[in-house]
């Protein structure tokens, strides 16, 4: 998903640019996922920062640390990325540690992906001087191949479809898409709605009975790029995001984007996508307009916008933050 993509692509590009970063995985003591260093994360979340720093030295080692998750113990010298503050709005997204504000105020630098996310961090925690560094888009999306006839038949997909990729938590606002879909289908009875993402009971509840809906579940990365490249429209109905990577991925694949208006997603869309009010009628009208055709001028604008978001430029901006935060210290 978005955070994992950010971490992996950033580390890969830092190494390519000669910045000797290394990735450290930290898991809770109860995690069933193998590998990584184990820490009592729940207890550390309420521990004093001095104790967190000691645990951080054990987990990350010495030197400048770039920490990409507030749930992990805070290091003494660190750059912190905060993607969003979803737990403040959606309790099912977990909780922020009670020391989150103190962690961020003590950090050498705080990074986030959009100006919208930065404004929220400033308002909630009284921060200033945040570094807004947009994510890149995987270059593989620009050359994604469309589905072959055999692949389309194997997935039972129609010739034209609207695609949603990602999670199904409440902030993804799939209920809005489910409410809008019958009107879209009525005007375009041969167009399907395809949803890809980890199995989730809410997604199943909302869409399993709607006409023309196809729930694909998790799809391997290479095939997912082809599913995206073959879509007629990509839809992003999210009510809250810190960034909105599916927007850029669709643009890179040459697929028009219709998004529901939220601060960060609208910022990522800029003028290269159709952003509509978070209302079923508005979303249905937007999807219908995109299905009825987009011009070459729009496609060129979306392609330029996506190509401006590279992991190369993102990594360079991160390196500048590291150097400013701690001279020539190297991030862990």
Protein backbone atom coordinates (compact mmCIF):
# COMPACT_ATOMS: atom_id res chain seq x y z
CA UNK A 1 0.00 0.00 0.00
CA UNK A 2 1.03 3.66 0.05
CA UNK A 3 3.33 3.67 3.08
CA UNK A 4 5.10 0.47 2.05
CA UNK A 5 5.54 1.82 -1.47
CA UNK A 6 7.02 5.04 -0.10
CA UNK A 7 9.51 3.23 2.12
CA UNK A 8 10.68 0.71 -0.48
CA UNK A 9 10.98 3.13 -3.40
CA UNK A 10 12.70 5.76 -1.28
CA UNK A 11 15.32 3.36 0.09
CA UNK A 12 15.97 1.94 -3.39
CA UNK A 13 16.45 5.40 -4.87
CA UNK A 14 18.61 6.63 -1.99
CA UNK A 15 20.94 3.71 -2.58
CA UNK A 16 20.96 4.36 -6.32
CA UNK A 17 22.02 7.94 -5.64
CA UNK A 18 24.84 6.74 -3.41
CA UNK A 19 23.27 7.54 -0.05
CA UNK A 20 23.99 4.42 2.05
CA UNK A 21 20.61 3.96 3.69
CA UNK A 22 19.52 0.67 5.18
CA UNK A 23 16.01 -0.45 6.02
CA UNK A 24 15.22 -1.76 9.50
CA UNK A 25 11.98 -3.64 10.13
CA UNK A 26 10.58 -3.44 13.66
CA UNK A 27 7.62 -5.58 14.74
CA UNK A 28 5.65 -5.98 17.94
CA UNK A 29 6.33 -8.92 20.20
CA UNK A 30 2.98 -10.44 19.23
CA UNK A 31 3.31 -10.01 15.48
CA UNK A 32 2.92 -13.22 13.50
CA UNK A 33 4.96 -11.81 10.61
CA UNK A 34 8.42 -13.38 10.54
CA UNK A 35 11.61 -11.35 10.59
CA UNK A 36 12.40 -7.91 11.91
CA UNK A 37 13.48 -6.73 15.35
CA UNK A 38 10.95 -7.24 18.11
CA UNK A 39 9.92 -4.57 20.60
CA UNK A 40 6.99 -4.09 23.04
CA UNK A 41 5.55 -1.36 20.84
CA UNK A 42 2.34 -0.83 22.82
CA UNK A 43 4.23 -0.16 26.05
CA UNK A 44 6.86 1.95 24.34
CA UNK A 45 4.10 4.13 22.88
CA UNK A 46 3.35 5.48 26.36
CA UNK A 47 6.95 5.41 27.63
CA UNK A 48 9.05 8.54 28.27
CA UNK A 49 11.10 9.69 25.30
CA UNK A 50 14.34 8.78 27.08
CA UNK A 51 13.24 5.14 27.27
CA UNK A 52 12.07 5.25 23.65
CA UNK A 53 15.49 6.54 22.63
CA UNK A 54 17.18 3.61 24.37
CA UNK A 55 14.91 1.15 22.56
CA UNK A 56 15.55 3.01 19.31
CA UNK A 57 19.32 2.61 19.71
CA UNK A 58 18.80 -1.14 20.07
CA UNK A 59 16.45 -1.35 17.11
CA UNK A 60 17.98 1.09 14.64
CA UNK A 61 21.60 1.54 15.67
CA UNK A 62 23.43 4.85 15.94
CA UNK A 63 23.46 7.75 13.53
CA UNK A 64 20.67 9.75 11.98
CA UNK A 65 17.41 7.79 11.81
CA UNK A 66 14.61 8.33 9.33
CA UNK A 67 11.48 7.01 11.03
CA UNK A 68 8.40 6.55 8.86
CA UNK A 69 5.87 5.47 11.50
CA UNK A 70 4.88 7.29 14.69
CA UNK A 71 4.08 3.97 16.34
CA UNK A 72 7.78 3.08 16.43
CA UNK A 73 10.02 4.36 19.26
CA UNK A 74 11.49 7.82 18.74
CA UNK A 75 15.25 8.07 18.18
CA UNK A 76 17.45 10.78 19.67
CA UNK A 77 18.45 12.16 16.25
CA UNK A 78 15.82 11.61 13.63
CA UNK A 79 13.87 12.73 10.61
CA UNK A 80 10.20 11.68 10.87
CA UNK A 81 7.76 11.14 8.01
CA UNK A 82 4.08 11.52 8.89
CA UNK A 83 1.81 10.46 6.05
CA UNK A 84 -1.46 11.49 7.69
CA UNK A 85 -3.33 11.76 10.98
CA UNK A 86 -6.07 9.29 10.10
CA UNK A 87 -6.43 7.94 13.68
CA UNK A 88 -7.67 11.36 14.79
CA UNK A 89 -10.61 11.08 12.39
CA UNK A 90 -11.20 7.33 12.12
CA UNK A 91 -10.75 5.32 15.34
CA UNK A 92 -10.55 2.05 13.40
CA UNK A 93 -7.25 3.32 11.94
CA UNK A 94 -5.59 2.84 15.34
CA UNK A 95 -4.31 5.45 17.75
CA UNK A 96 -1.47 7.92 17.83
CA UNK A 97 0.97 7.48 20.72
CA UNK A 98 0.40 10.03 23.49
CA UNK A 99 3.96 11.27 22.98
CA UNK A 100 3.41 11.95 19.25
CA UNK A 101 3.43 15.74 19.62
CA UNK A 102 6.56 15.71 21.77
CA UNK A 103 8.26 13.34 19.31
CA UNK A 104 7.58 15.62 16.37
CA UNK A 105 8.58 18.81 18.16
CA UNK A 106 11.87 17.16 19.17
CA UNK A 107 12.66 15.76 15.71
CA UNK A 108 15.37 17.34 13.59
CA UNK A 109 12.94 17.48 10.68
CA UNK A 110 9.39 16.40 9.86
CA UNK A 111 8.49 15.31 6.32
CA UNK A 112 5.06 14.88 4.77
CA UNK A 113 3.77 14.38 1.24
CA UNK A 114 1.33 17.26 0.70
CA UNK A 115 0.75 20.81 1.83
CA UNK A 116 -2.65 19.67 3.09
CA UNK A 117 -1.04 17.13 5.42
CA UNK A 118 1.50 19.74 6.55
CA UNK A 119 -1.27 22.20 7.44
CA UNK A 120 -3.00 19.59 9.58
CA UNK A 121 0.23 18.74 11.39
CA UNK A 122 0.87 22.41 12.04
CA UNK A 123 -2.64 22.92 13.43
CA UNK A 124 -2.75 19.79 15.60
CA UNK A 125 0.78 19.83 17.02
CA UNK A 126 1.87 23.44 16.64
CA UNK A 127 4.71 22.53 14.30
CA UNK A 128 6.50 24.80 11.85
CA UNK A 129 9.13 24.41 9.17
CA UNK A 130 7.79 21.11 7.82
CA UNK A 131 9.26 19.68 4.63
CA UNK A 132 6.66 18.84 1.96
CA UNK A 133 8.14 16.20 -0.34
CA UNK A 134 5.69 14.56 -2.76
CA UNK A 135 5.91 10.85 -3.42
CA UNK A 136 7.15 9.57 -6.75
CA UNK A 137 5.29 7.26 -9.06
CA UNK A 138 6.77 3.93 -10.10
CA UNK A 139 8.09 4.35 -13.66
CA UNK A 140 6.67 0.91 -14.53
CA UNK A 141 3.17 2.45 -14.69
CA UNK A 142 4.17 4.56 -17.70
CA UNK A 143 4.89 1.44 -19.75
CA UNK A 144 2.13 -0.79 -18.36
CA UNK A 145 0.74 -3.19 -20.95
CA UNK A 146 -2.99 -3.57 -21.42
CA UNK A 147 -4.59 -6.90 -20.54
CA UNK A 148 -4.35 -9.58 -23.17
CA UNK A 149 -7.56 -11.18 -24.41
CA UNK A 150 -6.73 -14.29 -22.38
CA UNK A 151 -6.05 -12.31 -19.20
CA UNK A 152 -9.27 -10.35 -19.57
CA UNK A 153 -11.24 -13.57 -20.08
CA UNK A 154 -9.53 -15.23 -17.12
CA UNK A 155 -10.54 -12.31 -14.87
CA UNK A 156 -14.05 -12.15 -16.42
CA UNK A 157 -13.70 -8.43 -17.08
CA UNK A 158 -15.82 -6.43 -19.54
CA UNK A 159 -14.30 -4.37 -22.34
CA UNK A 160 -14.91 -1.13 -20.43
CA UNK A 161 -14.76 -0.66 -16.68
CA UNK A 162 -14.22 1.83 -13.89
CA UNK A 163 -11.42 0.77 -11.51
CA UNK A 164 -10.86 1.33 -7.80
CA UNK A 165 -7.63 0.11 -6.21
CA UNK A 166 -6.65 0.18 -2.55
CA UNK A 167 -8.10 -0.47 0.86
CA UNK A 168 -11.67 -0.47 2.10
CA UNK A 169 -11.43 1.28 5.45
CA UNK A 170 -14.05 3.94 6.18
CA UNK A 171 -11.89 6.85 5.00
CA UNK A 172 -11.64 5.26 1.54
CA UNK A 173 -15.35 6.17 1.29
CA UNK A 174 -16.44 3.16 -0.76
CA UNK A 175 -19.98 3.76 0.47
CA UNK A 176 -20.01 6.90 -1.71
CA UNK A 177 -18.93 4.89 -4.75
CA UNK A 178 -21.56 2.21 -4.05
CA UNK A 179 -24.25 4.89 -3.84
CA UNK A 180 -23.12 6.50 -7.10
CA UNK A 181 -22.68 3.32 -9.10
CA UNK A 182 -26.35 2.50 -9.96
CA UNK A 183 -26.71 5.86 -11.73
CA UNK A 184 -23.47 5.28 -13.66
CA UNK A 185 -24.57 1.78 -14.63
CA UNK A 186 -28.00 3.03 -15.75
CA UNK A 187 -26.37 5.39 -18.24
CA UNK A 188 -23.64 2.91 -19.27
CA UNK A 189 -25.14 -0.58 -18.92
CA UNK A 190 -22.13 -2.34 -20.49
CA UNK A 191 -19.54 -0.69 -18.24
CA UNK A 192 -18.36 -2.64 -15.20
CA UNK A 193 -16.94 -1.61 -11.85
CA UNK A 194 -13.74 -3.42 -10.81
CA UNK A 195 -12.35 -3.25 -7.29
CA UNK A 196 -8.88 -4.50 -6.32
CA UNK A 197 -7.51 -4.67 -2.80
CA UNK A 198 -7.16 -6.85 0.29
CA UNK A 199 -10.35 -8.79 1.12
CA UNK A 200 -12.56 -6.68 3.37
CA UNK A 201 -16.10 -7.42 4.60
CA UNK A 202 -17.24 -3.84 4.01
CA UNK A 203 -16.23 -3.93 0.35
CA UNK A 204 -18.04 -7.24 -0.07
CA UNK A 205 -21.15 -5.93 1.68
CA UNK A 206 -21.31 -2.79 -0.41
CA UNK A 207 -20.66 -4.22 -3.87
CA UNK A 208 -21.36 -7.95 -4.04
CA UNK A 209 -25.02 -7.37 -4.96
CA UNK A 210 -24.57 -4.43 -7.34
CA UNK A 211 -24.85 -5.06 -11.09
CA UNK A 212 -21.64 -5.12 -13.08
CA UNK A 213 -19.31 -5.24 -10.07
CA UNK A 214 -16.19 -7.41 -10.03
CA UNK A 215 -14.25 -7.94 -6.78
CA UNK A 216 -10.76 -9.13 -7.75
CA UNK A 217 -9.16 -9.07 -4.31
CA UNK A 218 -5.38 -8.79 -4.17
CA UNK A 219 -3.78 -8.81 -7.62
CA UNK A 220 -0.04 -9.32 -8.30
CA UNK A 221 1.76 -6.07 -9.11
CA UNK A 222 2.48 -6.79 -12.77
CA UNK A 223 -1.09 -7.88 -13.47
CA UNK A 224 -2.48 -4.97 -11.46
CA UNK A 225 -0.64 -2.51 -13.71
CA UNK A 226 -2.28 -4.15 -16.72
CA UNK A 227 -5.70 -4.06 -15.05
CA UNK A 228 -5.15 -0.34 -14.46
CA UNK A 229 -3.87 0.38 -17.97
CA UNK A 230 -6.96 -1.34 -19.42
CA UNK A 231 -9.45 0.65 -17.33
CA UNK A 232 -11.64 3.33 -18.88
CA UNK A 233 -11.58 5.45 -15.70
CA UNK A 234 -9.91 5.24 -12.29
CA UNK A 235 -12.00 6.42 -9.34
CA UNK A 236 -10.68 7.71 -6.01
CA UNK A 237 -13.64 8.42 -3.69
CA UNK A 238 -11.55 8.84 -0.51
CA UNK A 239 -12.80 11.21 2.15
CA UNK A 240 -9.35 11.53 3.73
CA UNK A 241 -5.81 10.79 2.55
CA UNK A 242 -2.34 12.04 3.30
CA UNK A 243 -1.34 11.81 -0.35
CA UNK A 244 -3.23 9.71 -2.92
CA UNK A 245 -0.75 7.59 -4.88
CA UNK A 246 -3.46 5.81 -6.98
CA UNK A 247 -4.11 9.18 -8.64
CA UNK A 248 -0.57 9.40 -10.01
CA UNK A 249 -0.43 5.72 -10.93
CA UNK A 250 -3.56 6.05 -13.05
CA UNK A 251 -2.27 9.19 -14.74
CA UNK A 252 1.02 7.44 -15.51
CA UNK A 253 -0.91 4.56 -17.08
CA UNK A 254 -2.87 6.99 -19.27
CA UNK A 255 -6.18 6.48 -17.47
CA UNK A 256 -8.47 9.42 -16.62
CA UNK A 257 -9.05 10.00 -12.91
CA UNK A 258 -12.26 11.02 -11.16
CA UNK A 259 -11.77 11.84 -7.48
CA UNK A 260 -13.99 12.96 -4.65
CA UNK A 261 -12.87 16.28 -3.22
CA UNK A 262 -10.64 16.05 -0.16
CA UNK A 263 -7.72 18.36 0.58
CA UNK A 264 -4.73 16.10 -0.09
CA UNK A 265 -6.27 14.22 -3.03
CA UNK A 266 -7.32 17.47 -4.73
CA UNK A 267 -3.77 18.75 -4.27
CA UNK A 268 -2.28 15.64 -5.89
CA UNK A 269 -4.82 15.77 -8.72
CA UNK A 270 -4.06 19.45 -9.44
CA UNK A 271 -5.62 20.33 -12.82
CA UNK A 272 -4.96 16.91 -14.36
CA UNK A 273 -8.04 15.06 -13.04
CA UNK A 274 -11.75 15.63 -12.52
CA UNK A 275 -12.37 16.44 -8.85
CA UNK A 276 -16.02 16.41 -7.78
CA UNK A 277 -17.95 17.13 -4.60
CA UNK A 278 -18.28 14.18 -2.18
CA UNK A 279 -21.86 13.48 -3.20
CA UNK A 280 -23.27 10.40 -5.03
CA UNK A 281 -24.87 12.47 -7.79
CA UNK A 282 -21.70 14.51 -8.34
CA UNK A 283 -19.51 11.40 -8.41
CA UNK A 284 -21.89 9.64 -10.81
CA UNK A 285 -21.91 12.68 -13.10
CA UNK A 286 -18.12 12.86 -13.01
CA UNK A 287 -17.72 9.20 -13.88
CA UNK A 288 -20.26 9.51 -16.69
CA UNK A 289 -18.40 12.52 -18.09
CA UNK A 290 -15.09 10.65 -18.04
CA UNK A 291 -16.66 7.59 -19.67
CA UNK A 292 -18.06 9.80 -22.42
CA UNK A 293 -14.54 10.74 -23.45
CA UNK A 294 -11.53 12.89 -22.64
CA UNK A 295 -9.45 14.83 -25.11
CA UNK A 296 -5.79 14.58 -26.03
CA UNK A 297 -5.10 17.85 -24.19
CA UNK A 298 -6.22 16.27 -20.91
CA UNK A 299 -4.11 13.16 -21.51
CA UNK A 300 -1.01 15.24 -22.21
CA UNK A 301 -1.59 17.32 -19.05
CA UNK A 302 -2.06 14.22 -16.88
CA UNK A 303 1.06 12.59 -18.34
CA UNK A 304 3.17 15.70 -17.64
CA UNK A 305 1.80 15.92 -14.12
CA UNK A 306 2.63 12.28 -13.37
CA UNK A 307 6.12 12.55 -14.88
CA UNK A 308 6.88 15.48 -12.58
CA UNK A 309 6.58 13.10 -9.60
CA UNK A 310 9.70 10.92 -9.66
CA UNK A 311 11.36 8.96 -6.90
CA UNK A 312 14.64 10.46 -8.10
CA UNK A 313 13.53 14.00 -7.23
CA UNK A 314 11.86 12.80 -4.02
CA UNK A 315 15.08 11.10 -2.88
CA UNK A 316 17.15 14.21 -3.69
CA UNK A 317 14.82 16.29 -1.54
CA UNK A 318 15.10 13.77 1.30
CA UNK A 319 18.89 13.82 1.08
CA UNK A 320 18.84 17.61 1.40
CA UNK A 321 16.75 17.22 4.57
CA UNK A 322 19.17 14.62 5.98
CA UNK A 323 22.17 16.88 5.36
CA UNK A 324 20.43 19.86 6.92
CA UNK A 325 19.32 17.77 9.91
CA UNK A 326 22.72 16.38 10.78
CA UNK A 327 25.56 17.53 8.59
CA UNK A 328 26.92 14.50 6.76
CA UNK A 329 25.32 11.93 9.08
CA UNK A 330 23.85 8.95 7.31
CA UNK A 331 20.23 7.84 7.94
CA UNK A 332 19.56 4.35 9.25
